[in-house]
Amino acid sequence: MEHQTFSPDRLLSRVEVDHHFGLSRRFLEVSAVRGDGPPMVKIGRSVRYRIGDLHDWIAARRVSSTSAGVPN
């Protein structure tokens, strides 16, 4: 995968999030319903994700062991 630098405000579709971050479309759909996924932006019927929010959400889930709790 090639490395690209994007503005933290750039909006990505679920397909683009899957491609750039490895979070599957299905995971994003299910976590959106449960409310425990990355923050999203709704524009009409479209759902988009800010790159900065994705980085922050992923960073908040860093743990040092598999037994450590992960925040919702």
Protein backbone atom coordinates (compact mmCIF):
# COMPACT_ATOMS: atom_id res chain seq x y z
CA MET A 1 0.00 0.00 0.00
CA GLU A 2 1.42 3.37 -0.93
CA HIS A 3 1.76 6.00 1.77
CA GLN A 4 -0.16 9.23 1.19
CA THR A 5 -0.52 12.21 3.47
CA PHE A 6 -3.97 13.76 3.69
CA SER A 7 -5.42 16.67 5.65
CA PRO A 8 -6.94 15.54 8.98
CA ASP A 9 -10.20 17.17 7.83
CA ARG A 10 -10.45 15.12 4.65
CA LEU A 11 -13.57 12.96 4.57
CA LEU A 12 -13.34 9.31 3.55
CA SER A 13 -16.05 6.86 2.55
CA ARG A 14 -16.24 3.46 4.23
CA VAL A 15 -14.52 1.89 1.22
CA GLU A 16 -11.66 4.41 1.54
CA VAL A 17 -11.40 3.81 5.32
CA ASP A 18 -11.11 0.09 4.61
CA HIS A 19 -8.39 0.72 2.03
CA HIS A 20 -6.32 3.23 4.04
CA PHE A 21 -6.91 2.04 7.63
CA GLY A 22 -7.89 -1.62 7.31
CA LEU A 23 -11.23 -1.17 9.10
CA SER A 24 -13.71 -3.21 7.09
CA ARG A 25 -16.93 -1.75 5.76
CA ARG A 26 -18.88 -4.31 7.77
CA PHE A 27 -17.10 -3.35 11.01
CA LEU A 28 -17.84 0.33 10.34
CA GLU A 29 -21.52 -0.40 9.59
CA VAL A 30 -22.01 -2.52 12.72
CA SER A 31 -20.08 -0.15 15.00
CA ALA A 32 -22.10 2.81 13.67
CA VAL A 33 -25.32 1.09 14.78
CA ARG A 34 -23.83 0.14 18.18
CA GLY A 35 -22.28 3.60 18.62
CA ASP A 36 -18.81 2.30 19.52
CA GLY A 37 -16.96 2.97 16.28
CA PRO A 38 -15.05 6.00 15.07
CA PRO A 39 -16.97 9.30 14.92
CA MET A 40 -18.70 9.84 11.60
CA VAL A 41 -20.16 12.68 9.60
CA LYS A 42 -23.61 12.23 8.05
CA ILE A 43 -24.29 14.20 4.90
CA GLY A 44 -27.76 13.31 3.74
CA ARG A 45 -27.72 9.53 3.46
CA SER A 46 -23.94 9.39 3.10
CA VAL A 47 -21.61 8.53 5.96
CA ARG A 48 -18.04 9.86 5.94
CA TYR A 49 -15.13 9.71 8.37
CA ARG A 50 -12.60 12.49 9.10
CA ILE A 51 -9.03 11.26 8.87
CA GLY A 52 -8.13 13.09 12.09
CA ASP A 53 -11.00 11.39 13.95
CA LEU A 54 -9.87 7.99 12.69
CA HIS A 55 -6.31 8.57 13.89
CA ASP A 56 -7.59 9.75 17.31
CA TRP A 57 -10.01 6.82 17.65
CA ILE A 58 -7.31 4.29 16.79
CA ALA A 59 -4.77 5.93 19.15
CA ALA A 60 -7.29 5.78 22.02
CA ARG A 61 -7.43 1.99 21.62
CA ARG A 62 -3.71 1.31 22.08
CA VAL A 63 -3.10 -1.26 24.79
CA SER A 64 -0.01 -2.96 26.15
CA SER A 65 -1.55 -6.42 26.57
CA THR A 66 -4.53 -8.41 25.34
CA SER A 67 -6.02 -8.37 28.84
CA ALA A 68 -6.07 -4.55 29.03
CA GLY A 69 -9.49 -2.95 28.70
CA VAL A 70 -10.27 -0.85 25.63
CA PRO A 71 -12.48 2.26 25.96
CA ASN A 72 -15.79 2.35 24.09
